[in-house]
Amino acid sequence: MEVLYFAWLRERIGLPKEQVETGAATVRELVAELCAREPRYAAAFENPAAIRVALDQELADFDAPLMGVREVAFFPPMTGG
């Protein structure tokens, strides 16, 4: 699946996107796999409450299943104005 990183997540990880092979069943498990890769991922995901996720461009939560998902996007909360 394609994983996209926006704003400070992209800065900490150093990539705007990447193809990821995963056995994760949920977003939370995917994040755990990413964090186990390298310290830069652990630093980016150190505060999950400050991160939002979209699956195939639909907002989701960290317990959402990944079955059939083609794109996962991580980004900070948006503010209106």
PDB file of N, CA and C in Angstrom:
ATOM      1  N   MET A   1       0.839  -1.174   0.000  1.00  0.00           N
ATOM      2  CA  MET A   1       0.000   0.000   0.000  1.00  0.00           C
ATOM      3  C   MET A   1       0.881   1.231   0.000  1.00  0.00           C
ATOM      4  N   GLU A   2       0.303   2.334  -0.432  1.00  0.00           N
ATOM      5  CA  GLU A   2       1.034   3.595  -0.424  1.00  0.00           C
ATOM      6  C   GLU A   2       0.741   4.315   0.891  1.00  0.00           C
ATOM      7  N   VAL A   3       1.807   4.773   1.545  1.00  0.00           N
ATOM      8  CA  VAL A   3       1.671   5.509   2.793  1.00  0.00           C
ATOM      9  C   VAL A   3       2.183   6.924   2.540  1.00  0.00           C
ATOM     10  N   LEU A   4       1.339   7.909   2.867  1.00  0.00           N
ATOM     11  CA  LEU A   4       1.661   9.321   2.652  1.00  0.00           C
ATOM     12  C   LEU A   4       1.853  10.016   3.991  1.00  0.00           C
ATOM     13  N   TYR A   5       2.825  10.931   4.033  1.00  0.00           N
ATOM     14  CA  TYR A   5       3.120  11.699   5.243  1.00  0.00           C
ATOM     15  C   TYR A   5       3.025  13.181   4.903  1.00  0.00           C
ATOM     16  N   PHE A   6       2.346  13.945   5.759  1.00  0.00           N
ATOM     17  CA  PHE A   6       2.169  15.368   5.521  1.00  0.00           C
ATOM     18  C   PHE A   6       2.720  16.197   6.674  1.00  0.00           C
ATOM     19  N   ALA A   7       3.076  17.441   6.362  1.00  0.00           N
ATOM     20  CA  ALA A   7       3.513  18.451   7.331  1.00  0.00           C
ATOM     21  C   ALA A   7       4.704  17.953   8.153  1.00  0.00           C
ATOM     22  N   TRP A   8       4.656  18.096   9.479  1.00  0.00           N
ATOM     23  CA  TRP A   8       5.810  17.739  10.307  1.00  0.00           C
ATOM     24  C   TRP A   8       6.092  16.249  10.315  1.00  0.00           C
ATOM     25  N   LEU A   9       5.111  15.413   9.992  1.00  0.00           N
ATOM     26  CA  LEU A   9       5.379  13.967   9.876  1.00  0.00           C
ATOM     27  C   LEU A   9       6.347  13.722   8.718  1.00  0.00           C
ATOM     28  N   ARG A  10       6.102  14.377   7.602  1.00  0.00           N
ATOM     29  CA  ARG A  10       6.988  14.253   6.440  1.00  0.00           C
ATOM     30  C   ARG A  10       8.392  14.745   6.789  1.00  0.00           C
ATOM     31  N   GLU A  11       8.462  15.838   7.533  1.00  0.00           N
ATOM     32  CA  GLU A  11       9.771  16.385   7.915  1.00  0.00           C
ATOM     33  C   GLU A  11      10.537  15.426   8.824  1.00  0.00           C
ATOM     34  N   ARG A  12       9.868  14.835   9.787  1.00  0.00           N
ATOM     35  CA  ARG A  12      10.547  13.923  10.722  1.00  0.00           C
ATOM     36  C   ARG A  12      10.958  12.615  10.054  1.00  0.00           C
ATOM     37  N   ILE A  13      10.107  12.108   9.173  1.00  0.00           N
ATOM     38  CA  ILE A  13      10.404  10.834   8.508  1.00  0.00           C
ATOM     39  C   ILE A  13      11.345  11.038   7.324  1.00  0.00           C
ATOM     40  N   GLY A  14      11.231  12.187   6.679  1.00  0.00           N
ATOM     41  CA  GLY A  14      12.113  12.483   5.567  1.00  0.00           C
ATOM     42  C   GLY A  14      11.606  12.002   4.223  1.00  0.00           C
ATOM     43  N   LEU A  15      10.337  11.606   4.168  1.00  0.00           N
ATOM     44  CA  LEU A  15       9.731  11.128   2.924  1.00  0.00           C
ATOM     45  C   LEU A  15       8.317  11.681   2.796  1.00  0.00           C
ATOM     46  N   PRO A  16       7.890  12.029   1.579  1.00  0.00           N
ATOM     47  CA  PRO A  16       6.495  12.432   1.408  1.00  0.00           C
ATOM     48  C   PRO A  16       5.572  11.220   1.288  1.00  0.00           C
ATOM     49  N   LYS A  17       6.122  10.107   0.769  1.00  0.00           N
ATOM     50  CA  LYS A  17       5.330   8.877   0.616  1.00  0.00           C
ATOM     51  C   LYS A  17       6.253   7.704   0.380  1.00  0.00           C
ATOM     52  N   GLU A  18       5.704   6.498   0.569  1.00  0.00           N
ATOM     53  CA  GLU A  18       6.459   5.284   0.307  1.00  0.00           C
ATOM     54  C   GLU A  18       5.503   4.114   0.115  1.00  0.00           C
ATOM     55  N   GLN A  19       5.974   3.094  -0.570  1.00  0.00           N
ATOM     56  CA  GLN A  19       5.231   1.840  -0.718  1.00  0.00           C
ATOM     57  C   GLN A  19       5.610   0.959   0.460  1.00  0.00           C
ATOM     58  N   VAL A  20       4.624   0.409   1.139  1.00  0.00           N
ATOM     59  CA  VAL A  20       4.882  -0.399   2.329  1.00  0.00           C
ATOM     60  C   VAL A  20       4.214  -1.763   2.166  1.00  0.00           C
ATOM     61  N   GLU A  21       4.994  -2.800   2.364  1.00  0.00           N
ATOM     62  CA  GLU A  21       4.462  -4.164   2.453  1.00  0.00           C
ATOM     63  C   GLU A  21       4.213  -4.413   3.937  1.00  0.00           C
ATOM     64  N   THR A  22       3.003  -4.796   4.286  1.00  0.00           N
ATOM     65  CA  THR A  22       2.680  -4.961   5.702  1.00  0.00           C
ATOM     66  C   THR A  22       1.757  -6.144   5.929  1.00  0.00           C
ATOM     67  N   GLY A  23       1.869  -6.720   7.096  1.00  0.00           N
ATOM     68  CA  GLY A  23       0.947  -7.746   7.539  1.00  0.00           C
ATOM     69  C   GLY A  23      -0.015  -7.190   8.584  1.00  0.00           C
ATOM     70  N   ALA A  24       0.040  -5.878   8.797  1.00  0.00           N
ATOM     71  CA  ALA A  24      -0.785  -5.220   9.814  1.00  0.00           C
ATOM     72  C   ALA A  24      -2.268  -5.325   9.469  1.00  0.00           C
ATOM     73  N   ALA A  25      -3.075  -5.564  10.480  1.00  0.00           N
ATOM     74  CA  ALA A  25      -4.525  -5.663  10.289  1.00  0.00           C
ATOM     75  C   ALA A  25      -5.214  -4.316  10.524  1.00  0.00           C
ATOM     76  N   THR A  26      -4.580  -3.449  11.302  1.00  0.00           N
ATOM     77  CA  THR A  26      -5.173  -2.142  11.624  1.00  0.00           C
ATOM     78  C   THR A  26      -4.134  -1.041  11.431  1.00  0.00           C
ATOM     79  N   VAL A  27      -4.600   0.193  11.446  1.00  0.00           N
ATOM     80  CA  VAL A  27      -3.697   1.339  11.358  1.00  0.00           C
ATOM     81  C   VAL A  27      -2.723   1.306  12.536  1.00  0.00           C
ATOM     82  N   ARG A  28      -3.215   1.010  13.719  1.00  0.00           N
ATOM     83  CA  ARG A  28      -2.369   0.972  14.915  1.00  0.00           C
ATOM     84  C   ARG A  28      -1.219  -0.029  14.736  1.00  0.00           C
ATOM     85  N   GLU A  29      -1.513  -1.193  14.159  1.00  0.00           N
ATOM     86  CA  GLU A  29      -0.470  -2.196  13.921  1.00  0.00           C
ATOM     87  C   GLU A  29       0.522  -1.706  12.859  1.00  0.00           C
ATOM     88  N   LEU A  30       0.035  -1.012  11.837  1.00  0.00           N
ATOM     89  CA  LEU A  30       0.920  -0.442  10.821  1.00  0.00           C
ATOM     90  C   LEU A  30       1.873   0.565  11.459  1.00  0.00           C
ATOM     91  N   VAL A  31       1.352   1.431  12.310  1.00  0.00           N
ATOM     92  CA  VAL A  31       2.189   2.415  12.989  1.00  0.00           C
ATOM     93  C   VAL A  31       3.248   1.713  13.842  1.00  0.00           C
ATOM     94  N   ALA A  32       2.871   0.650  14.534  1.00  0.00           N
ATOM     95  CA  ALA A  32       3.838  -0.101  15.347  1.00  0.00           C
ATOM     96  C   ALA A  32       4.943  -0.688  14.460  1.00  0.00           C
ATOM     97  N   GLU A  33       4.575  -1.220  13.289  1.00  0.00           N
ATOM     98  CA  GLU A  33       5.575  -1.751  12.357  1.00  0.00           C
ATOM     99  C   GLU A  33       6.515  -0.646  11.884  1.00  0.00           C
ATOM    100  N   LEU A  34       5.951   0.503  11.537  1.00  0.00           N
ATOM    101  CA  LEU A  34       6.777   1.622  11.073  1.00  0.00           C
ATOM    102  C   LEU A  34       7.722   2.092  12.176  1.00  0.00           C
ATOM    103  N   CYS A  35       7.216   2.211  13.394  1.00  0.00           N
ATOM    104  CA  CYS A  35       8.037   2.675  14.517  1.00  0.00           C
ATOM    105  C   CYS A  35       9.190   1.718  14.818  1.00  0.00           C
ATOM    106  N   ALA A  36       8.983   0.434  14.560  1.00  0.00           N
ATOM    107  CA  ALA A  36      10.025  -0.560  14.809  1.00  0.00           C
ATOM    108  C   ALA A  36      11.133  -0.505  13.750  1.00  0.00           C
ATOM    109  N   ARG A  37      10.870   0.148  12.619  1.00  0.00           N
ATOM    110  CA  ARG A  37      11.852   0.232  11.528  1.00  0.00           C
ATOM    111  C   ARG A  37      13.083   1.041  11.906  1.00  0.00           C
ATOM    112  N   GLU A  38      12.845   2.285  12.301  1.00  0.00           N
ATOM    113  CA  GLU A  38      13.930   3.243  12.537  1.00  0.00           C
ATOM    114  C   GLU A  38      13.465   4.297  13.543  1.00  0.00           C
ATOM    115  N   PRO A  39      14.400   4.923  14.233  1.00  0.00           N
ATOM    116  CA  PRO A  39      14.040   5.954  15.213  1.00  0.00           C
ATOM    117  C   PRO A  39      13.262   7.125  14.611  1.00  0.00           C
ATOM    118  N   ARG A  40      13.484   7.461  13.352  1.00  0.00           N
ATOM    119  CA  ARG A  40      12.774   8.603  12.760  1.00  0.00           C
ATOM    120  C   ARG A  40      11.264   8.354  12.717  1.00  0.00           C
ATOM    121  N   TYR A  41      10.848   7.115  12.494  1.00  0.00           N
ATOM    122  CA  TYR A  41       9.411   6.790  12.507  1.00  0.00           C
ATOM    123  C   TYR A  41       8.880   6.877  13.933  1.00  0.00           C
ATOM    124  N   ALA A  42       9.634   6.342  14.883  1.00  0.00           N
ATOM    125  CA  ALA A  42       9.216   6.402  16.292  1.00  0.00           C
ATOM    126  C   ALA A  42       9.063   7.851  16.732  1.00  0.00           C
ATOM    127  N   ALA A  43       9.960   8.726  16.287  1.00  0.00           N
ATOM    128  CA  ALA A  43       9.871  10.139  16.632  1.00  0.00           C
ATOM    129  C   ALA A  43       8.631  10.781  16.009  1.00  0.00           C
ATOM    130  N   ALA A  44       8.332  10.423  14.786  1.00  0.00           N
ATOM    131  CA  ALA A  44       7.174  11.006  14.101  1.00  0.00           C
ATOM    132  C   ALA A  44       5.861  10.582  14.752  1.00  0.00           C
ATOM    133  N   PHE A  45       5.792   9.339  15.209  1.00  0.00           N
ATOM    134  CA  PHE A  45       4.543   8.804  15.759  1.00  0.00           C
ATOM    135  C   PHE A  45       4.518   8.761  17.286  1.00  0.00           C
ATOM    136  N   GLU A  46       5.422   9.518  17.940  1.00  0.00           N
ATOM    137  CA  GLU A  46       5.507   9.445  19.398  1.00  0.00           C
ATOM    138  C   GLU A  46       4.239   9.914  20.108  1.00  0.00           C
ATOM    139  N   ASN A  47       3.438  10.754  19.477  1.00  0.00           N
ATOM    140  CA  ASN A  47       2.199  11.235  20.086  1.00  0.00           C
ATOM    141  C   ASN A  47       1.026  10.987  19.123  1.00  0.00           C
ATOM    142  N   PRO A  48       0.475   9.776  19.120  1.00  0.00           N
ATOM    143  CA  PRO A  48      -0.611   9.456  18.184  1.00  0.00           C
ATOM    144  C   PRO A  48      -1.833  10.364  18.307  1.00  0.00           C
ATOM    145  N   ALA A  49      -2.047  10.951  19.474  1.00  0.00           N
ATOM    146  CA  ALA A  49      -3.194  11.844  19.657  1.00  0.00           C
ATOM    147  C   ALA A  49      -3.072  13.097  18.790  1.00  0.00           C
ATOM    148  N   ALA A  50      -1.856  13.408  18.342  1.00  0.00           N
ATOM    149  CA  ALA A  50      -1.624  14.595  17.518  1.00  0.00           C
ATOM    150  C   ALA A  50      -1.597  14.267  16.029  1.00  0.00           C
ATOM    151  N   ILE A  51      -2.037  13.051  15.683  1.00  0.00           N
ATOM    152  CA  ILE A  51      -1.991  12.606  14.283  1.00  0.00           C
ATOM    153  C   ILE A  51      -3.374  12.146  13.841  1.00  0.00           C
ATOM    154  N   ARG A  52      -3.732  12.516  12.646  1.00  0.00           N
ATOM    155  CA  ARG A  52      -4.964  12.035  12.020  1.00  0.00           C
ATOM    156  C   ARG A  52      -4.586  11.082  10.901  1.00  0.00           C
ATOM    157  N   VAL A  53      -5.521  10.223  10.529  1.00  0.00           N
ATOM    158  CA  VAL A  53      -5.267   9.246   9.471  1.00  0.00           C
ATOM    159  C   VAL A  53      -6.458   9.193   8.522  1.00  0.00           C
ATOM    160  N   ALA A  54      -6.157   9.002   7.259  1.00  0.00           N
ATOM    161  CA  ALA A  54      -7.190   8.794   6.244  1.00  0.00           C
ATOM    162  C   ALA A  54      -6.848   7.521   5.479  1.00  0.00           C
ATOM    163  N   LEU A  55      -7.861   6.705   5.259  1.00  0.00           N
ATOM    164  CA  LEU A  55      -7.718   5.477   4.478  1.00  0.00           C
ATOM    165  C   LEU A  55      -8.450   5.672   3.165  1.00  0.00           C
ATOM    166  N   ASP A  56      -7.723   5.582   2.062  1.00  0.00           N
ATOM    167  CA  ASP A  56      -8.298   5.848   0.738  1.00  0.00           C
ATOM    168  C   ASP A  56      -9.086   7.157   0.744  1.00  0.00           C
ATOM    169  N   GLN A  57      -8.489   8.184   1.348  1.00  0.00           N
ATOM    170  CA  GLN A  57      -8.998   9.555   1.406  1.00  0.00           C
ATOM    171  C   GLN A  57     -10.263   9.736   2.234  1.00  0.00           C
ATOM    172  N   GLU A  58     -10.499   8.805   3.182  1.00  0.00           N
ATOM    173  CA  GLU A  58     -11.626   8.929   4.120  1.00  0.00           C
ATOM    174  C   GLU A  58     -11.062   8.907   5.534  1.00  0.00           C
ATOM    175  N   LEU A  59     -11.442   9.882   6.357  1.00  0.00           N
ATOM    176  CA  LEU A  59     -10.958   9.921   7.732  1.00  0.00           C
ATOM    177  C   LEU A  59     -11.280   8.622   8.455  1.00  0.00           C
ATOM    178  N   ALA A  60     -10.328   8.171   9.263  1.00  0.00           N
ATOM    179  CA  ALA A  60     -10.486   6.918  10.002  1.00  0.00           C
ATOM    180  C   ALA A  60      -9.791   7.076  11.349  1.00  0.00           C
ATOM    181  N   ASP A  61      -9.862   6.035  12.168  1.00  0.00           N
ATOM    182  CA  ASP A  61      -9.133   6.075  13.432  1.00  0.00           C
ATOM    183  C   ASP A  61      -8.068   4.982  13.424  1.00  0.00           C
ATOM    184  N   PHE A  62      -7.274   4.954  14.482  1.00  0.00           N
ATOM    185  CA  PHE A  62      -6.136   4.040  14.530  1.00  0.00           C
ATOM    186  C   PHE A  62      -6.546   2.569  14.683  1.00  0.00           C
ATOM    187  N   ASP A  63      -7.793   2.307  15.017  1.00  0.00           N
ATOM    188  CA  ASP A  63      -8.262   0.928  15.117  1.00  0.00           C
ATOM    189  C   ASP A  63      -8.950   0.457  13.835  1.00  0.00           C
ATOM    190  N   ALA A  64      -8.964   1.297  12.812  1.00  0.00           N
ATOM    191  CA  ALA A  64      -9.611   0.949  11.544  1.00  0.00           C
ATOM    192  C   ALA A  64      -8.859  -0.188  10.847  1.00  0.00           C
ATOM    193  N   PRO A  65      -9.595  -1.115  10.238  1.00  0.00           N
ATOM    194  CA  PRO A  65      -8.950  -2.223   9.522  1.00  0.00           C
ATOM    195  C   PRO A  65      -8.312  -1.755   8.212  1.00  0.00           C
ATOM    196  N   LEU A  66      -7.237  -2.436   7.822  1.00  0.00           N
ATOM    197  CA  LEU A  66      -6.520  -2.098   6.598  1.00  0.00           C
ATOM    198  C   LEU A  66      -6.871  -3.003   5.413  1.00  0.00           C
ATOM    199  N   MET A  67      -7.723  -3.988   5.636  1.00  0.00           N
ATOM    200  CA  MET A  67      -8.079  -4.919   4.569  1.00  0.00           C
ATOM    201  C   MET A  67      -8.609  -4.164   3.354  1.00  0.00           C
ATOM    202  N   GLY A  68      -7.962  -4.339   2.207  1.00  0.00           N
ATOM    203  CA  GLY A  68      -8.400  -3.727   0.967  1.00  0.00           C
ATOM    204  C   GLY A  68      -7.996  -2.274   0.776  1.00  0.00           C
ATOM    205  N   VAL A  69      -7.331  -1.683   1.756  1.00  0.00           N
ATOM    206  CA  VAL A  69      -6.928  -0.277   1.668  1.00  0.00           C
ATOM    207  C   VAL A  69      -5.721  -0.140   0.741  1.00  0.00           C
ATOM    208  N   ARG A  70      -5.775   0.849  -0.139  1.00  0.00           N
ATOM    209  CA  ARG A  70      -4.670   1.101  -1.076  1.00  0.00           C
ATOM    210  C   ARG A  70      -3.792   2.259  -0.634  1.00  0.00           C
ATOM    211  N   GLU A  71      -4.367   3.211   0.136  1.00  0.00           N
ATOM    212  CA  GLU A  71      -3.620   4.400   0.525  1.00  0.00           C
ATOM    213  C   GLU A  71      -3.917   4.764   1.976  1.00  0.00           C
ATOM    214  N   VAL A  72      -2.848   5.002   2.726  1.00  0.00           N
ATOM    215  CA  VAL A  72      -2.947   5.470   4.107  1.00  0.00           C
ATOM    216  C   VAL A  72      -2.224   6.812   4.170  1.00  0.00           C
ATOM    217  N   ALA A  73      -2.893   7.823   4.699  1.00  0.00           N
ATOM    218  CA  ALA A  73      -2.285   9.149   4.826  1.00  0.00           C
ATOM    219  C   ALA A  73      -2.275   9.565   6.293  1.00  0.00           C
ATOM    220  N   PHE A  74      -1.121  10.042   6.750  1.00  0.00           N
ATOM    221  CA  PHE A  74      -0.969  10.543   8.113  1.00  0.00           C
ATOM    222  C   PHE A  74      -0.714  12.040   8.049  1.00  0.00           C
ATOM    223  N   PHE A  75      -1.405  12.808   8.915  1.00  0.00           N
ATOM    224  CA  PHE A  75      -1.287  14.263   8.894  1.00  0.00           C
ATOM    225  C   PHE A  75      -1.682  14.833  10.249  1.00  0.00           C
ATOM    226  N   PRO A  76      -1.217  16.047  10.548  1.00  0.00           N
ATOM    227  CA  PRO A  76      -1.622  16.675  11.814  1.00  0.00           C
ATOM    228  C   PRO A  76      -3.079  17.160  11.708  1.00  0.00           C
ATOM    229  N   PRO A  77      -3.715  17.403  12.845  1.00  0.00           N
ATOM    230  CA  PRO A  77      -5.078  17.926  12.820  1.00  0.00           C
ATOM    231  C   PRO A  77      -5.142  19.251  12.048  1.00  0.00           C
ATOM    232  N   MET A  78      -6.218  19.456  11.374  1.00  0.00           N
ATOM    233  CA  MET A  78      -6.413  20.704  10.612  1.00  0.00           C
ATOM    234  C   MET A  78      -7.151  21.709  11.494  1.00  0.00           C
ATOM    235  N   THR A  79      -6.865  22.959  11.265  1.00  0.00           N
ATOM    236  CA  THR A  79      -7.614  24.011  11.958  1.00  0.00           C
ATOM    237  C   THR A  79      -8.351  24.834  10.921  1.00  0.00           C
ATOM    238  N   GLY A  80      -9.515  25.274  11.267  1.00  0.00           N
ATOM    239  CA  GLY A  80     -10.311  26.091  10.349  1.00  0.00           C
ATOM    240  C   GLY A  80     -10.034  27.569  10.552  1.00  0.00           C
ATOM    241  N   GLY A  81     -10.548  28.343   9.615  1.00  0.00           N
ATOM    242  CA  GLY A  81     -10.341  29.756   9.819  1.00  0.00           C
ATOM    243  C   GLY A  81     -10.785  30.580   8.663  1.00  0.00           C
TER     244      GLY A  81
END
